[in-house]
Amino acid sequence: MEFYIAQNSTLPILKMEFDFDGKSSIGDFNYIVESSTLLFSMKNIENGNLKISNKSAGFTNKVFIEPNAKIEYYLYYKFSLNDTNKIGRYEGEFTLISDEGTLILPIKEKLYINIVENYIRT
């Protein structure tokens, strides 16, 4: 997944869909979410240095008008000005820590964060 944010910006919020595999019940999943810690880290692709290390992240779900719609869960992280002060390409990951153990997300594909030049005057 590719995500783009302007240098020295806090928006948009990084949001990534959590792929609920359906092997567990929604109740089990809700318990895991409520009893877990979710953290976000981001490292520079060029030199491997951590730009963000285990900062608090969050879960949310999409609310649908249609009551029979499939529930969608999202992981999110809101950047600070310090997080986006250097232009570059970074690899991000969410870490879910629960009683079940530690899970690094995303699993299926890598998450790349691209901090690009800000063309808007502040």
Protein backbone atom coordinates (compact mmCIF):
# COMPACT_ATOMS: atom_id res chain seq x y z
CA MET A 1 0.00 0.00 0.00
CA GLU A 2 1.28 3.47 -0.87
CA PHE A 3 0.42 6.47 1.32
CA TYR A 4 1.39 10.07 0.58
CA ILE A 5 1.58 13.01 2.97
CA ALA A 6 3.11 16.47 2.55
CA GLN A 7 6.21 17.49 4.47
CA ASN A 8 5.39 19.21 7.80
CA SER A 9 1.77 18.13 7.58
CA THR A 10 -0.48 16.22 9.99
CA LEU A 11 -3.19 15.35 7.45
CA PRO A 12 -4.42 13.09 6.00
CA ILE A 13 -4.63 10.50 8.74
CA LEU A 14 -3.06 7.17 7.75
CA LYS A 15 -5.89 4.65 7.58
CA MET A 16 -5.48 1.02 6.58
CA GLU A 17 -8.22 -1.59 6.39
CA PHE A 18 -7.75 -4.50 8.76
CA ASP A 19 -8.48 -7.69 6.85
CA PHE A 20 -10.75 -9.65 9.17
CA ASP A 21 -10.41 -13.24 7.96
CA GLY A 22 -13.68 -14.40 9.47
CA LYS A 23 -12.09 -17.39 11.22
CA SER A 24 -13.01 -15.93 14.60
CA SER A 25 -16.33 -14.51 15.63
CA ILE A 26 -16.90 -10.74 15.65
CA GLY A 27 -17.19 -10.99 19.44
CA ASP A 28 -13.74 -12.58 19.68
CA PHE A 29 -12.31 -9.91 17.41
CA ASN A 30 -13.93 -7.12 19.45
CA TYR A 31 -12.45 -8.58 22.64
CA ILE A 32 -8.98 -8.69 21.08
CA VAL A 33 -9.30 -5.07 19.93
CA GLU A 34 -10.53 -3.86 23.31
CA SER A 35 -7.85 -5.71 25.28
CA SER A 36 -4.92 -4.96 22.96
CA THR A 37 -2.36 -2.25 22.50
CA LEU A 38 -1.87 -0.92 18.98
CA LEU A 39 1.38 0.81 18.09
CA PHE A 40 2.80 2.37 14.92
CA SER A 41 6.42 2.47 13.72
CA MET A 42 8.02 3.89 10.58
CA LYS A 43 11.57 3.44 9.30
CA ASN A 44 13.50 5.15 6.53
CA ILE A 45 13.93 2.86 3.51
CA GLU A 46 17.35 4.30 2.53
CA ASN A 47 19.19 4.01 5.85
CA GLY A 48 16.94 1.82 8.03
CA ASN A 49 16.69 4.45 10.79
CA LEU A 50 13.46 4.54 12.76
CA LYS A 51 11.58 7.82 12.32
CA ILE A 52 8.65 6.71 14.50
CA SER A 53 9.05 4.00 17.13
CA ASN A 54 6.03 2.40 18.80
CA LYS A 55 3.73 5.42 19.02
CA SER A 56 0.11 4.91 19.97
CA ALA A 57 -2.26 4.12 17.09
CA GLY A 58 -5.94 3.22 16.99
CA PHE A 59 -8.78 1.06 15.65
CA THR A 60 -12.05 2.22 14.20
CA ASN A 61 -14.86 0.68 12.22
CA LYS A 62 -16.85 2.00 9.29
CA VAL A 63 -20.48 2.72 10.05
CA PHE A 64 -22.90 1.71 7.31
CA ILE A 65 -26.49 2.75 6.80
CA GLU A 66 -27.29 -0.74 5.47
CA PRO A 67 -27.64 -2.99 8.56
CA ASN A 68 -26.55 -6.15 6.67
CA ALA A 69 -23.32 -4.66 5.32
CA LYS A 70 -20.06 -6.41 6.13
CA ILE A 71 -18.26 -4.77 9.07
CA GLU A 72 -15.01 -3.03 8.08
CA TYR A 73 -12.26 -2.32 10.62
CA TYR A 74 -9.44 0.18 10.11
CA LEU A 75 -6.12 0.82 11.81
CA TYR A 76 -5.14 4.47 11.92
CA TYR A 77 -2.30 6.77 12.90
CA LYS A 78 -2.34 10.57 13.11
CA PHE A 79 1.02 12.09 12.20
CA SER A 80 2.63 14.89 14.21
CA LEU A 81 4.61 17.71 12.59
CA ASN A 82 7.84 16.08 13.76
CA ASP A 83 6.84 12.78 12.10
CA THR A 84 6.70 14.42 8.65
CA ASN A 85 9.55 16.93 8.81
CA LYS A 86 11.88 15.00 6.47
CA ILE A 87 11.08 14.17 2.86
CA GLY A 88 11.60 10.51 2.03
CA ARG A 89 10.20 7.03 1.59
CA TYR A 90 9.43 5.03 4.70
CA GLU A 91 8.10 1.60 5.56
CA GLY A 92 5.38 1.59 8.19
CA GLU A 93 3.95 -1.13 10.37
CA PHE A 94 1.30 -1.50 13.02
CA THR A 95 2.01 -3.76 16.00
CA LEU A 96 -0.91 -5.36 17.81
CA ILE A 97 0.02 -6.62 21.28
CA SER A 98 -2.55 -8.82 23.03
CA ASP A 99 -2.82 -11.79 25.36
CA GLU A 100 -2.57 -13.94 22.22
CA GLY A 101 0.88 -12.51 21.39
CA THR A 102 2.29 -9.88 19.03
CA LEU A 103 1.07 -9.39 15.48
CA ILE A 104 2.83 -7.17 12.92
CA LEU A 105 0.49 -5.61 10.34
CA PRO A 106 0.08 -5.42 7.40
CA ILE A 107 0.63 -9.07 6.63
CA LYS A 108 -0.24 -9.35 2.92
CA GLU A 109 1.62 -6.34 1.53
CA LYS A 110 4.07 -3.72 2.79
CA LEU A 111 2.94 -0.27 3.83
CA TYR A 112 4.98 2.57 2.30
CA ILE A 113 4.68 6.15 3.49
CA ASN A 114 5.94 8.81 1.09
CA ILE A 115 6.63 12.23 2.61
CA VAL A 116 6.69 14.62 -0.32
CA GLU A 117 7.49 18.32 -0.75
CA ASN A 118 4.76 20.63 0.46
CA TYR A 119 3.78 23.12 -2.23
CA ILE A 120 1.36 25.07 -0.03
CA ARG A 121 2.61 28.18 1.72
CA THR A 122 2.15 28.25 5.47
